[in-house]
PDB file of N, CA and C in Angstrom:
ATOM      1  N   UNK A   1     -47.799   0.069  -6.068  1.00  0.00           N
ATOM      2  CA  UNK A   1     -46.614  -0.309  -5.338  1.00  0.00           C
ATOM      3  C   UNK A   1     -46.935  -1.449  -4.387  1.00  0.00           C
ATOM      4  N   UNK A   2     -46.007  -2.342  -4.281  1.00  0.00           N
ATOM      5  CA  UNK A   2     -46.186  -3.452  -3.348  1.00  0.00           C
ATOM      6  C   UNK A   2     -45.179  -3.326  -2.230  1.00  0.00           C
ATOM      7  N   UNK A   3     -45.484  -3.953  -1.138  1.00  0.00           N
ATOM      8  CA  UNK A   3     -44.581  -3.910   0.010  1.00  0.00           C
ATOM      9  C   UNK A   3     -43.489  -4.961  -0.171  1.00  0.00           C
ATOM     10  N   UNK A   4     -42.284  -4.694   0.333  1.00  0.00           N
ATOM     11  CA  UNK A   4     -41.219  -5.695   0.222  1.00  0.00           C
ATOM     12  C   UNK A   4     -41.580  -6.935   1.028  1.00  0.00           C
ATOM     13  N   UNK A   5     -41.110  -8.074   0.553  1.00  0.00           N
ATOM     14  CA  UNK A   5     -41.373  -9.340   1.225  1.00  0.00           C
ATOM     15  C   UNK A   5     -40.630  -9.384   2.561  1.00  0.00           C
ATOM     16  N   UNK A   6     -41.309  -9.907   3.567  1.00  0.00           N
ATOM     17  CA  UNK A   6     -40.687 -10.013   4.888  1.00  0.00           C
ATOM     18  C   UNK A   6     -39.591 -11.066   4.852  1.00  0.00           C
ATOM     19  N   UNK A   7     -38.615 -10.905   5.681  1.00  0.00           N
ATOM     20  CA  UNK A   7     -37.506 -11.862   5.756  1.00  0.00           C
ATOM     21  C   UNK A   7     -38.030 -13.181   6.318  1.00  0.00           C
ATOM     22  N   UNK A   8     -37.732 -14.245   5.629  1.00  0.00           N
ATOM     23  CA  UNK A   8     -38.208 -15.559   6.041  1.00  0.00           C
ATOM     24  C   UNK A   8     -37.274 -16.144   7.087  1.00  0.00           C
ATOM     25  N   UNK A   9     -37.849 -16.807   8.068  1.00  0.00           N
ATOM     26  CA  UNK A   9     -37.087 -17.482   9.109  1.00  0.00           C
ATOM     27  C   UNK A   9     -37.229 -18.980   8.878  1.00  0.00           C
ATOM     28  N   UNK A  10     -36.093 -19.676   8.781  1.00  0.00           N
ATOM     29  CA  UNK A  10     -36.087 -21.116   8.538  1.00  0.00           C
ATOM     30  C   UNK A  10     -35.830 -21.855   9.843  1.00  0.00           C
ATOM     31  N   UNK A  11     -36.561 -22.924  10.041  1.00  0.00           N
ATOM     32  CA  UNK A  11     -36.329 -23.759  11.224  1.00  0.00           C
ATOM     33  C   UNK A  11     -35.072 -24.595  10.992  1.00  0.00           C
ATOM     34  N   UNK A  12     -34.544 -25.146  12.086  1.00  0.00           N
ATOM     35  CA  UNK A  12     -33.367 -25.999  11.977  1.00  0.00           C
ATOM     36  C   UNK A  12     -33.669 -27.219  11.104  1.00  0.00           C
ATOM     37  N   UNK A  13     -34.887 -27.758  11.195  1.00  0.00           N
ATOM     38  CA  UNK A  13     -35.274 -28.927  10.384  1.00  0.00           C
ATOM     39  C   UNK A  13     -35.285 -28.586   8.901  1.00  0.00           C
ATOM     40  N   UNK A  14     -35.797 -27.389   8.560  1.00  0.00           N
ATOM     41  CA  UNK A  14     -35.813 -26.964   7.153  1.00  0.00           C
ATOM     42  C   UNK A  14     -34.392 -26.817   6.621  1.00  0.00           C
ATOM     43  N   UNK A  15     -33.522 -26.235   7.425  1.00  0.00           N
ATOM     44  CA  UNK A  15     -32.133 -26.046   7.001  1.00  0.00           C
ATOM     45  C   UNK A  15     -31.467 -27.396   6.746  1.00  0.00           C
ATOM     46  N   UNK A  16     -31.660 -28.342   7.678  1.00  0.00           N
ATOM     47  CA  UNK A  16     -31.058 -29.672   7.543  1.00  0.00           C
ATOM     48  C   UNK A  16     -31.589 -30.360   6.288  1.00  0.00           C
ATOM     49  N   UNK A  17     -32.895 -30.258   6.050  1.00  0.00           N
ATOM     50  CA  UNK A  17     -33.507 -30.907   4.891  1.00  0.00           C
ATOM     51  C   UNK A  17     -32.966 -30.318   3.581  1.00  0.00           C
ATOM     52  N   UNK A  18     -32.857 -28.988   3.510  1.00  0.00           N
ATOM     53  CA  UNK A  18     -32.373 -28.337   2.292  1.00  0.00           C
ATOM     54  C   UNK A  18     -30.892 -28.631   2.054  1.00  0.00           C
ATOM     55  N   UNK A  19     -30.087 -28.613   3.120  1.00  0.00           N
ATOM     56  CA  UNK A  19     -28.661 -28.929   2.971  1.00  0.00           C
ATOM     57  C   UNK A  19     -28.501 -30.372   2.525  1.00  0.00           C
ATOM     58  N   UNK A  20     -29.266 -31.272   3.117  1.00  0.00           N
ATOM     59  CA  UNK A  20     -29.192 -32.681   2.727  1.00  0.00           C
ATOM     60  C   UNK A  20     -29.570 -32.851   1.262  1.00  0.00           C
ATOM     61  N   UNK A  21     -30.541 -32.084   0.807  1.00  0.00           N
ATOM     62  CA  UNK A  21     -30.948 -32.163  -0.597  1.00  0.00           C
ATOM     63  C   UNK A  21     -29.827 -31.714  -1.524  1.00  0.00           C
ATOM     64  N   UNK A  22     -29.043 -30.708  -1.120  1.00  0.00           N
ATOM     65  CA  UNK A  22     -27.928 -30.242  -1.964  1.00  0.00           C
ATOM     66  C   UNK A  22     -26.814 -31.273  -2.050  1.00  0.00           C
ATOM     67  N   UNK A  23     -26.773 -32.213  -1.091  1.00  0.00           N
ATOM     68  CA  UNK A  23     -25.711 -33.213  -1.060  1.00  0.00           C
ATOM     69  C   UNK A  23     -26.059 -34.484  -1.830  1.00  0.00           C
ATOM     70  N   UNK A  24     -27.262 -34.550  -2.380  1.00  0.00           N
ATOM     71  CA  UNK A  24     -27.667 -35.726  -3.157  1.00  0.00           C
ATOM     72  C   UNK A  24     -26.867 -35.803  -4.456  1.00  0.00           C
ATOM     73  N   UNK A  25     -26.535 -36.999  -4.932  1.00  0.00           N
ATOM     74  CA  UNK A  25     -25.783 -37.148  -6.185  1.00  0.00           C
ATOM     75  C   UNK A  25     -26.531 -36.479  -7.348  1.00  0.00           C
ATOM     76  N   UNK A  26     -25.795 -35.694  -8.123  1.00  0.00           N
ATOM     77  CA  UNK A  26     -26.365 -35.024  -9.287  1.00  0.00           C
ATOM     78  C   UNK A  26     -27.121 -33.742  -8.957  1.00  0.00           C
ATOM     79  N   UNK A  27     -27.221 -33.404  -7.686  1.00  0.00           N
ATOM     80  CA  UNK A  27     -27.951 -32.199  -7.274  1.00  0.00           C
ATOM     81  C   UNK A  27     -26.992 -31.033  -7.140  1.00  0.00           C
ATOM     82  N   UNK A  28     -27.495 -29.823  -7.377  1.00  0.00           N
ATOM     83  CA  UNK A  28     -26.674 -28.620  -7.233  1.00  0.00           C
ATOM     84  C   UNK A  28     -27.342 -27.663  -6.262  1.00  0.00           C
ATOM     85  N   UNK A  29     -26.542 -26.790  -5.691  1.00  0.00           N
ATOM     86  CA  UNK A  29     -27.065 -25.764  -4.796  1.00  0.00           C
ATOM     87  C   UNK A  29     -28.023 -24.865  -5.563  1.00  0.00           C
ATOM     88  N   UNK A  30     -27.662 -24.530  -6.794  1.00  0.00           N
ATOM     89  CA  UNK A  30     -28.522 -23.661  -7.609  1.00  0.00           C
ATOM     90  C   UNK A  30     -29.877 -24.297  -7.860  1.00  0.00           C
ATOM     91  N   UNK A  31     -29.885 -25.590  -8.157  1.00  0.00           N
ATOM     92  CA  UNK A  31     -31.144 -26.287  -8.410  1.00  0.00           C
ATOM     93  C   UNK A  31     -32.051 -26.279  -7.188  1.00  0.00           C
ATOM     94  N   UNK A  32     -31.490 -26.590  -6.030  1.00  0.00           N
ATOM     95  CA  UNK A  32     -32.267 -26.586  -4.790  1.00  0.00           C
ATOM     96  C   UNK A  32     -32.741 -25.164  -4.497  1.00  0.00           C
ATOM     97  N   UNK A  33     -31.870 -24.205  -4.720  1.00  0.00           N
ATOM     98  CA  UNK A  33     -32.196 -22.803  -4.481  1.00  0.00           C
ATOM     99  C   UNK A  33     -33.413 -22.378  -5.303  1.00  0.00           C
ATOM    100  N   UNK A  34     -33.384 -22.679  -6.596  1.00  0.00           N
ATOM    101  CA  UNK A  34     -34.511 -22.305  -7.473  1.00  0.00           C
ATOM    102  C   UNK A  34     -35.791 -23.030  -7.085  1.00  0.00           C
ATOM    103  N   UNK A  35     -35.688 -24.307  -6.819  1.00  0.00           N
ATOM    104  CA  UNK A  35     -36.875 -25.106  -6.513  1.00  0.00           C
ATOM    105  C   UNK A  35     -37.598 -24.634  -5.258  1.00  0.00           C
ATOM    106  N   UNK A  36     -36.814 -24.225  -4.250  1.00  0.00           N
ATOM    107  CA  UNK A  36     -37.417 -23.879  -2.961  1.00  0.00           C
ATOM    108  C   UNK A  36     -37.466 -22.370  -2.695  1.00  0.00           C
ATOM    109  N   UNK A  37     -36.967 -21.571  -3.625  1.00  0.00           N
ATOM    110  CA  UNK A  37     -37.008 -20.117  -3.439  1.00  0.00           C
ATOM    111  C   UNK A  37     -36.108 -19.620  -2.327  1.00  0.00           C
ATOM    112  N   UNK A  38     -34.978 -20.307  -2.149  1.00  0.00           N
ATOM    113  CA  UNK A  38     -34.010 -19.925  -1.117  1.00  0.00           C
ATOM    114  C   UNK A  38     -32.783 -19.363  -1.823  1.00  0.00           C
ATOM    115  N   UNK A  39     -32.232 -18.309  -1.290  1.00  0.00           N
ATOM    116  CA  UNK A  39     -31.031 -17.711  -1.875  1.00  0.00           C
ATOM    117  C   UNK A  39     -29.870 -18.725  -1.834  1.00  0.00           C
ATOM    118  N   UNK A  40     -29.176 -18.873  -2.957  1.00  0.00           N
ATOM    119  CA  UNK A  40     -28.079 -19.843  -3.044  1.00  0.00           C
ATOM    120  C   UNK A  40     -26.979 -19.543  -2.026  1.00  0.00           C
ATOM    121  N   UNK A  41     -26.701 -18.273  -1.787  1.00  0.00           N
ATOM    122  CA  UNK A  41     -25.648 -17.939  -0.818  1.00  0.00           C
ATOM    123  C   UNK A  41     -26.026 -18.389   0.587  1.00  0.00           C
ATOM    124  N   UNK A  42     -27.324 -18.389   0.883  1.00  0.00           N
ATOM    125  CA  UNK A  42     -27.784 -18.858   2.177  1.00  0.00           C
ATOM    126  C   UNK A  42     -27.565 -20.373   2.300  1.00  0.00           C
ATOM    127  N   UNK A  43     -27.847 -21.100   1.219  1.00  0.00           N
ATOM    128  CA  UNK A  43     -27.591 -22.546   1.227  1.00  0.00           C
ATOM    129  C   UNK A  43     -26.103 -22.839   1.406  1.00  0.00           C
ATOM    130  N   UNK A  44     -25.258 -22.076   0.734  1.00  0.00           N
ATOM    131  CA  UNK A  44     -23.807 -22.260   0.893  1.00  0.00           C
ATOM    132  C   UNK A  44     -23.392 -22.003   2.347  1.00  0.00           C
ATOM    133  N   UNK A  45     -23.955 -20.971   2.956  1.00  0.00           N
ATOM    134  CA  UNK A  45     -23.635 -20.653   4.345  1.00  0.00           C
ATOM    135  C   UNK A  45     -24.049 -21.803   5.265  1.00  0.00           C
ATOM    136  N   UNK A  46     -25.235 -22.353   5.047  1.00  0.00           N
ATOM    137  CA  UNK A  46     -25.705 -23.472   5.865  1.00  0.00           C
ATOM    138  C   UNK A  46     -24.821 -24.704   5.663  1.00  0.00           C
ATOM    139  N   UNK A  47     -24.371 -24.930   4.432  1.00  0.00           N
ATOM    140  CA  UNK A  47     -23.489 -26.080   4.169  1.00  0.00           C
ATOM    141  C   UNK A  47     -22.163 -25.928   4.915  1.00  0.00           C
ATOM    142  N   UNK A  48     -21.595 -24.707   4.889  1.00  0.00           N
ATOM    143  CA  UNK A  48     -20.346 -24.456   5.621  1.00  0.00           C
ATOM    144  C   UNK A  48     -20.558 -24.680   7.112  1.00  0.00           C
ATOM    145  N   UNK A  49     -21.683 -24.191   7.645  1.00  0.00           N
ATOM    146  CA  UNK A  49     -21.985 -24.373   9.066  1.00  0.00           C
ATOM    147  C   UNK A  49     -22.121 -25.854   9.396  1.00  0.00           C
ATOM    148  N   UNK A  50     -22.725 -26.622   8.498  1.00  0.00           N
ATOM    149  CA  UNK A  50     -22.901 -28.060   8.730  1.00  0.00           C
ATOM    150  C   UNK A  50     -21.549 -28.778   8.755  1.00  0.00           C
ATOM    151  N   UNK A  51     -20.584 -28.275   7.975  1.00  0.00           N
ATOM    152  CA  UNK A  51     -19.239 -28.864   7.966  1.00  0.00           C
ATOM    153  C   UNK A  51     -18.407 -28.365   9.144  1.00  0.00           C
ATOM    154  N   UNK A  52     -18.943 -27.427   9.917  1.00  0.00           N
ATOM    155  CA  UNK A  52     -18.222 -26.903  11.080  1.00  0.00           C
ATOM    156  C   UNK A  52     -17.245 -25.813  10.747  1.00  0.00           C
ATOM    157  N   UNK A  53     -17.362 -25.238   9.550  1.00  0.00           N
ATOM    158  CA  UNK A  53     -16.454 -24.154   9.171  1.00  0.00           C
ATOM    159  C   UNK A  53     -16.956 -22.841   9.749  1.00  0.00           C
ATOM    160  N   UNK A  54     -16.041 -22.034  10.209  1.00  0.00           N
ATOM    161  CA  UNK A  54     -16.401 -20.721  10.748  1.00  0.00           C
ATOM    162  C   UNK A  54     -16.802 -19.795   9.615  1.00  0.00           C
ATOM    163  N   UNK A  55     -17.673 -18.874   9.926  1.00  0.00           N
ATOM    164  CA  UNK A  55     -18.076 -17.879   8.925  1.00  0.00           C
ATOM    165  C   UNK A  55     -16.865 -17.036   8.561  1.00  0.00           C
ATOM    166  N   UNK A  56     -16.764 -16.700   7.292  1.00  0.00           N
ATOM    167  CA  UNK A  56     -15.631 -15.882   6.843  1.00  0.00           C
ATOM    168  C   UNK A  56     -15.775 -14.468   7.379  1.00  0.00           C
ATOM    169  N   UNK A  57     -14.704 -14.000   7.928  1.00  0.00           N
ATOM    170  CA  UNK A  57     -14.698 -12.635   8.435  1.00  0.00           C
ATOM    171  C   UNK A  57     -14.108 -11.724   7.368  1.00  0.00           C
ATOM    172  N   UNK A  58     -14.788 -10.654   7.094  1.00  0.00           N
ATOM    173  CA  UNK A  58     -14.257  -9.682   6.135  1.00  0.00           C
ATOM    174  C   UNK A  58     -13.143  -8.895   6.811  1.00  0.00           C
ATOM    175  N   UNK A  59     -12.070  -8.731   6.063  1.00  0.00           N
ATOM    176  CA  UNK A  59     -10.968  -7.932   6.596  1.00  0.00           C
ATOM    177  C   UNK A  59     -11.337  -6.461   6.479  1.00  0.00           C
ATOM    178  N   UNK A  60     -10.984  -5.680   7.487  1.00  0.00           N
ATOM    179  CA  UNK A  60     -11.266  -4.245   7.381  1.00  0.00           C
ATOM    180  C   UNK A  60     -10.420  -3.638   6.265  1.00  0.00           C
ATOM    181  N   UNK A  61     -10.893  -2.554   5.660  1.00  0.00           N
ATOM    182  CA  UNK A  61     -10.105  -1.920   4.605  1.00  0.00           C
ATOM    183  C   UNK A  61      -8.744  -1.489   5.137  1.00  0.00           C
ATOM    184  N   UNK A  62      -7.746  -1.573   4.271  1.00  0.00           N
ATOM    185  CA  UNK A  62      -6.399  -1.185   4.666  1.00  0.00           C
ATOM    186  C   UNK A  62      -6.048   0.151   4.035  1.00  0.00           C
ATOM    187  N   UNK A  63      -5.308   0.931   4.742  1.00  0.00           N
ATOM    188  CA  UNK A  63      -4.763   2.152   4.172  1.00  0.00           C
ATOM    189  C   UNK A  63      -3.456   1.801   3.488  1.00  0.00           C
ATOM    190  N   UNK A  64      -3.273   2.300   2.300  1.00  0.00           N
ATOM    191  CA  UNK A  64      -2.048   2.036   1.564  1.00  0.00           C
ATOM    192  C   UNK A  64      -1.116   3.229   1.688  1.00  0.00           C
ATOM    193  N   UNK A  65       0.175   2.981   1.698  1.00  0.00           N
ATOM    194  CA  UNK A  65       1.105   4.101   1.801  1.00  0.00           C
ATOM    195  C   UNK A  65       1.090   4.948   0.525  1.00  0.00           C
ATOM    196  N   UNK A  66       1.124   6.241   0.709  1.00  0.00           N
ATOM    197  CA  UNK A  66       1.169   7.180  -0.414  1.00  0.00           C
ATOM    198  C   UNK A  66       2.402   8.037  -0.229  1.00  0.00           C
ATOM    199  N   UNK A  67       3.146   8.181  -1.302  1.00  0.00           N
ATOM    200  CA  UNK A  67       4.348   8.994  -1.243  1.00  0.00           C
ATOM    201  C   UNK A  67       4.253  10.047  -2.335  1.00  0.00           C
ATOM    202  N   UNK A  68       4.346  11.300  -1.968  1.00  0.00           N
ATOM    203  CA  UNK A  68       4.324  12.387  -2.937  1.00  0.00           C
ATOM    204  C   UNK A  68       5.749  12.621  -3.418  1.00  0.00           C
ATOM    205  N   UNK A  69       5.879  12.695  -4.703  1.00  0.00           N
ATOM    206  CA  UNK A  69       7.202  12.924  -5.276  1.00  0.00           C
ATOM    207  C   UNK A  69       7.305  14.384  -5.680  1.00  0.00           C
ATOM    208  N   UNK A  70       8.369  15.020  -5.313  1.00  0.00           N
ATOM    209  CA  UNK A  70       8.529  16.432  -5.627  1.00  0.00           C
ATOM    210  C   UNK A  70       9.405  16.655  -6.846  1.00  0.00           C
ATOM    211  N   UNK A  71      10.112  15.622  -7.258  1.00  0.00           N
ATOM    212  CA  UNK A  71      10.958  15.775  -8.433  1.00  0.00           C
ATOM    213  C   UNK A  71      10.931  14.475  -9.212  1.00  0.00           C
ATOM    214  N   UNK A  72      10.990  14.573 -10.505  1.00  0.00           N
ATOM    215  CA  UNK A  72      10.964  13.378 -11.327  1.00  0.00           C
ATOM    216  C   UNK A  72      12.080  13.425 -12.345  1.00  0.00           C
ATOM    217  N   UNK A  73      12.119  12.429 -13.199  1.00  0.00           N
ATOM    218  CA  UNK A  73      13.142  12.420 -14.234  1.00  0.00           C
ATOM    219  C   UNK A  73      12.914  13.566 -15.221  1.00  0.00           C
ATOM    220  N   UNK A  74      13.994  13.960 -15.832  1.00  0.00           N
ATOM    221  CA  UNK A  74      13.889  15.027 -16.833  1.00  0.00           C
ATOM    222  C   UNK A  74      13.066  14.525 -18.015  1.00  0.00           C
ATOM    223  N   UNK A  75      12.044  15.269 -18.439  1.00  0.00           N
ATOM    224  CA  UNK A  75      11.248  14.807 -19.583  1.00  0.00           C
ATOM    225  C   UNK A  75      12.059  14.887 -20.869  1.00  0.00           C
ATOM    226  N   UNK A  76      11.795  13.918 -21.739  1.00  0.00           N
ATOM    227  CA  UNK A  76      12.472  13.944 -23.035  1.00  0.00           C
ATOM    228  C   UNK A  76      11.859  15.060 -23.870  1.00  0.00           C
ATOM    229  N   UNK A  77      12.571  15.567 -24.891  1.00  0.00           N
ATOM    230  CA  UNK A  77      12.054  16.671 -25.689  1.00  0.00           C
ATOM    231  C   UNK A  77      10.731  16.328 -26.380  1.00  0.00           C
ATOM    232  N   UNK A  78      10.506  15.050 -26.723  1.00  0.00           N
ATOM    233  CA  UNK A  78       9.288  14.675 -27.424  1.00  0.00           C
ATOM    234  C   UNK A  78       8.109  14.503 -26.463  1.00  0.00           C
ATOM    235  N   UNK A  79       8.394  14.322 -25.168  1.00  0.00           N
ATOM    236  CA  UNK A  79       7.325  14.094 -24.202  1.00  0.00           C
ATOM    237  C   UNK A  79       6.635  15.410 -23.852  1.00  0.00           C
ATOM    238  N   UNK A  80       5.316  15.345 -23.603  1.00  0.00           N
ATOM    239  CA  UNK A  80       4.626  16.570 -23.202  1.00  0.00           C
ATOM    240  C   UNK A  80       5.121  17.005 -21.827  1.00  0.00           C
ATOM    241  N   UNK A  81       5.055  18.287 -21.523  1.00  0.00           N
ATOM    242  CA  UNK A  81       5.540  18.753 -20.230  1.00  0.00           C
ATOM    243  C   UNK A  81       4.698  18.164 -19.092  1.00  0.00           C
ATOM    244  N   UNK A  82       5.366  17.846 -17.982  1.00  0.00           N
ATOM    245  CA  UNK A  82       4.677  17.295 -16.816  1.00  0.00           C
ATOM    246  C   UNK A  82       4.021  18.442 -16.053  1.00  0.00           C
ATOM    247  N   UNK A  83       2.849  18.173 -15.417  1.00  0.00           N
ATOM    248  CA  UNK A  83       2.239  19.232 -14.617  1.00  0.00           C
ATOM    249  C   UNK A  83       3.119  19.563 -13.419  1.00  0.00           C
ATOM    250  N   UNK A  84       3.098  20.833 -13.022  1.00  0.00           N
ATOM    251  CA  UNK A  84       3.911  21.267 -11.897  1.00  0.00           C
ATOM    252  C   UNK A  84       3.038  22.010 -10.894  1.00  0.00           C
ATOM    253  N   UNK A  85       3.480  22.005  -9.646  1.00  0.00           N
ATOM    254  CA  UNK A  85       2.775  22.746  -8.608  1.00  0.00           C
ATOM    255  C   UNK A  85       3.206  24.205  -8.664  1.00  0.00           C
ATOM    256  N   UNK A  86       2.560  25.014  -7.836  1.00  0.00           N
ATOM    257  CA  UNK A  86       2.941  26.437  -7.791  1.00  0.00           C
ATOM    258  C   UNK A  86       4.380  26.606  -7.305  1.00  0.00           C
ATOM    259  N   UNK A  87       4.894  25.614  -6.575  1.00  0.00           N
ATOM    260  CA  UNK A  87       6.273  25.670  -6.086  1.00  0.00           C
ATOM    261  C   UNK A  87       7.257  25.165  -7.133  1.00  0.00           C
ATOM    262  N   UNK A  88       6.734  24.686  -8.274  1.00  0.00           N
ATOM    263  CA  UNK A  88       7.601  24.224  -9.339  1.00  0.00           C
ATOM    264  C   UNK A  88       7.919  22.743  -9.293  1.00  0.00           C
ATOM    265  N   UNK A  89       7.308  21.998  -8.379  1.00  0.00           N
ATOM    266  CA  UNK A  89       7.569  20.560  -8.284  1.00  0.00           C
ATOM    267  C   UNK A  89       6.704  19.808  -9.298  1.00  0.00           C
ATOM    268  N   UNK A  90       7.259  18.756  -9.875  1.00  0.00           N
ATOM    269  CA  UNK A  90       6.529  17.935 -10.839  1.00  0.00           C
ATOM    270  C   UNK A  90       5.503  17.091 -10.085  1.00  0.00           C
ATOM    271  N   UNK A  91       4.269  17.043 -10.596  1.00  0.00           N
ATOM    272  CA  UNK A  91       3.203  16.276  -9.953  1.00  0.00           C
ATOM    273  C   UNK A  91       3.122  14.912 -10.611  1.00  0.00           C
ATOM    274  N   UNK A  92       3.314  13.853  -9.835  1.00  0.00           N
ATOM    275  CA  UNK A  92       3.192  12.478 -10.318  1.00  0.00           C
ATOM    276  C   UNK A  92       2.329  11.685  -9.359  1.00  0.00           C
ATOM    277  N   UNK A  93       1.656  10.701  -9.902  1.00  0.00           N
ATOM    278  CA  UNK A  93       0.944   9.729  -9.068  1.00  0.00           C
ATOM    279  C   UNK A  93       1.744   8.449  -9.159  1.00  0.00           C
ATOM    280  N   UNK A  94       2.117   7.900  -8.010  1.00  0.00           N
ATOM    281  CA  UNK A  94       2.884   6.663  -7.997  1.00  0.00           C
ATOM    282  C   UNK A  94       1.958   5.540  -7.564  1.00  0.00           C
ATOM    283  N   UNK A  95       1.849   4.518  -8.393  1.00  0.00           N
ATOM    284  CA  UNK A  95       0.983   3.382  -8.131  1.00  0.00           C
ATOM    285  C   UNK A  95       1.861   2.151  -7.943  1.00  0.00           C
ATOM    286  N   UNK A  96       1.842   1.589  -6.733  1.00  0.00           N
ATOM    287  CA  UNK A  96       2.637   0.397  -6.434  1.00  0.00           C
ATOM    288  C   UNK A  96       1.717  -0.814  -6.570  1.00  0.00           C
ATOM    289  N   UNK A  97       2.047  -1.702  -7.500  1.00  0.00           N
ATOM    290  CA  UNK A  97       1.231  -2.880  -7.739  1.00  0.00           C
ATOM    291  C   UNK A  97       1.525  -3.951  -6.701  1.00  0.00           C
ATOM    292  N   UNK A  98       0.638  -4.948  -6.605  1.00  0.00           N
ATOM    293  CA  UNK A  98       0.808  -6.015  -5.613  1.00  0.00           C
ATOM    294  C   UNK A  98       2.107  -6.784  -5.805  1.00  0.00           C
ATOM    295  N   UNK A  99       2.583  -6.869  -7.055  1.00  0.00           N
ATOM    296  CA  UNK A  99       3.808  -7.626  -7.302  1.00  0.00           C
ATOM    297  C   UNK A  99       5.059  -6.769  -7.130  1.00  0.00           C
ATOM    298  N   UNK A 100       4.900  -5.534  -6.655  1.00  0.00           N
ATOM    299  CA  UNK A 100       6.042  -4.674  -6.373  1.00  0.00           C
ATOM    300  C   UNK A 100       6.408  -3.718  -7.491  1.00  0.00           C
ATOM    301  N   UNK A 101       5.857  -3.913  -8.670  1.00  0.00           N
ATOM    302  CA  UNK A 101       6.154  -2.989  -9.764  1.00  0.00           C
ATOM    303  C   UNK A 101       5.550  -1.617  -9.452  1.00  0.00           C
ATOM    304  N   UNK A 102       6.179  -0.571  -9.971  1.00  0.00           N
ATOM    305  CA  UNK A 102       5.752   0.792  -9.685  1.00  0.00           C
ATOM    306  C   UNK A 102       5.422   1.503 -10.993  1.00  0.00           C
ATOM    307  N   UNK A 103       4.266   2.146 -11.025  1.00  0.00           N
ATOM    308  CA  UNK A 103       3.888   2.978 -12.166  1.00  0.00           C
ATOM    309  C   UNK A 103       3.902   4.425 -11.692  1.00  0.00           C
ATOM    310  N   UNK A 104       4.546   5.289 -12.442  1.00  0.00           N
ATOM    311  CA  UNK A 104       4.527   6.721 -12.145  1.00  0.00           C
ATOM    312  C   UNK A 104       3.753   7.400 -13.261  1.00  0.00           C
ATOM    313  N   UNK A 105       2.675   8.068 -12.882  1.00  0.00           N
ATOM    314  CA  UNK A 105       1.731   8.580 -13.866  1.00  0.00           C
ATOM    315  C   UNK A 105       1.463  10.061 -13.660  1.00  0.00           C
ATOM    316  N   UNK A 106       1.172  10.724 -14.746  1.00  0.00           N
ATOM    317  CA  UNK A 106       0.699  12.102 -14.670  1.00  0.00           C
ATOM    318  C   UNK A 106      -0.783  12.057 -14.288  1.00  0.00           C
ATOM    319  N   UNK A 107      -1.283  13.044 -13.573  1.00  0.00           N
ATOM    320  CA  UNK A 107      -2.670  13.016 -13.105  1.00  0.00           C
ATOM    321  C   UNK A 107      -3.715  12.924 -14.219  1.00  0.00           C
ATOM    322  N   UNK A 108      -3.412  13.395 -15.408  1.00  0.00           N
ATOM    323  CA  UNK A 108      -4.422  13.412 -16.474  1.00  0.00           C
ATOM    324  C   UNK A 108      -4.502  12.108 -17.268  1.00  0.00           C
ATOM    325  N   UNK A 109      -3.765  11.079 -16.881  1.00  0.00           N
ATOM    326  CA  UNK A 109      -3.791   9.799 -17.582  1.00  0.00           C
ATOM    327  C   UNK A 109      -5.168   9.160 -17.433  1.00  0.00           C
ATOM    328  N   UNK A 110      -5.665   8.536 -18.504  1.00  0.00           N
ATOM    329  CA  UNK A 110      -6.971   7.885 -18.513  1.00  0.00           C
ATOM    330  C   UNK A 110      -7.000   6.736 -17.506  1.00  0.00           C
ATOM    331  N   UNK A 111      -7.944   6.759 -16.574  1.00  0.00           N
ATOM    332  CA  UNK A 111      -8.025   5.762 -15.509  1.00  0.00           C
ATOM    333  C   UNK A 111      -8.269   4.363 -16.063  1.00  0.00           C
ATOM    334  N   UNK A 112      -9.086   4.238 -17.091  1.00  0.00           N
ATOM    335  CA  UNK A 112      -9.363   2.918 -17.671  1.00  0.00           C
ATOM    336  C   UNK A 112      -8.093   2.335 -18.287  1.00  0.00           C
ATOM    337  N   UNK A 113      -7.292   3.174 -18.935  1.00  0.00           N
ATOM    338  CA  UNK A 113      -6.043   2.699 -19.527  1.00  0.00           C
ATOM    339  C   UNK A 113      -5.071   2.256 -18.441  1.00  0.00           C
ATOM    340  N   UNK A 114      -5.028   2.978 -17.332  1.00  0.00           N
ATOM    341  CA  UNK A 114      -4.153   2.621 -16.226  1.00  0.00           C
ATOM    342  C   UNK A 114      -4.610   1.283 -15.624  1.00  0.00           C
ATOM    343  N   UNK A 115      -5.918   1.085 -15.491  1.00  0.00           N
ATOM    344  CA  UNK A 115      -6.436  -0.165 -14.932  1.00  0.00           C
ATOM    345  C   UNK A 115      -6.050  -1.347 -15.819  1.00  0.00           C
ATOM    346  N   UNK A 116      -6.165  -1.184 -17.150  1.00  0.00           N
ATOM    347  CA  UNK A 116      -5.778  -2.259 -18.071  1.00  0.00           C
ATOM    348  C   UNK A 116      -4.268  -2.541 -17.969  1.00  0.00           C
ATOM    349  N   UNK A 117      -3.481  -1.488 -17.886  1.00  0.00           N
ATOM    350  CA  UNK A 117      -2.029  -1.645 -17.782  1.00  0.00           C
ATOM    351  C   UNK A 117      -1.655  -2.338 -16.479  1.00  0.00           C
ATOM    352  N   UNK A 118      -2.261  -1.928 -15.373  1.00  0.00           N
ATOM    353  CA  UNK A 118      -1.962  -2.533 -14.078  1.00  0.00           C
ATOM    354  C   UNK A 118      -2.342  -4.015 -14.085  1.00  0.00           C
ATOM    355  N   UNK A 119      -3.494  -4.329 -14.661  1.00  0.00           N
ATOM    356  CA  UNK A 119      -3.926  -5.743 -14.716  1.00  0.00           C
ATOM    357  C   UNK A 119      -2.941  -6.574 -15.532  1.00  0.00           C
ATOM    358  N   UNK A 120      -2.450  -6.008 -16.626  1.00  0.00           N
ATOM    359  CA  UNK A 120      -1.500  -6.734 -17.478  1.00  0.00           C
ATOM    360  C   UNK A 120      -0.166  -6.926 -16.759  1.00  0.00           C
ATOM    361  N   UNK A 121       0.270  -5.920 -16.027  1.00  0.00           N
ATOM    362  CA  UNK A 121       1.549  -6.011 -15.332  1.00  0.00           C
ATOM    363  C   UNK A 121       1.501  -6.914 -14.107  1.00  0.00           C
ATOM    364  N   UNK A 122       0.313  -7.093 -13.524  1.00  0.00           N
ATOM    365  CA  UNK A 122       0.180  -7.962 -12.356  1.00  0.00           C
ATOM    366  C   UNK A 122      -0.008  -9.425 -12.744  1.00  0.00           C
ATOM    367  N   UNK A 123      -0.308  -9.680 -13.997  1.00  0.00           N
ATOM    368  CA  UNK A 123      -0.573 -11.071 -14.439  1.00  0.00           C
ATOM    369  C   UNK A 123       0.684 -11.908 -14.398  1.00  0.00           C
TER     370      UNK A 123
END
């Protein structure tokens, strides 16, 4: 077993030199990154700082509204029966897409199929 590599500290001169190298005609951040063993995301961060752009702030996670439905449409004779609670209410999962469309699903629906359907409906 080997020990993990210590975090490298770059001087301001090294940062300026590497950023300047990425700005040369025909040069890429990836190329400079590979040549000097510097993470490409770090070079991008230094470039943004050099342009005076503020670091991107991650938005905190948002809670989405959830609404439990106690009654649903009458199932057609060909449709399988919907699951019900002990109180006799139909159990549905309601998924509101970003574009406002609403999917009402039974809990046993395949999650991968729902993800594909949601992606198609949001396109």
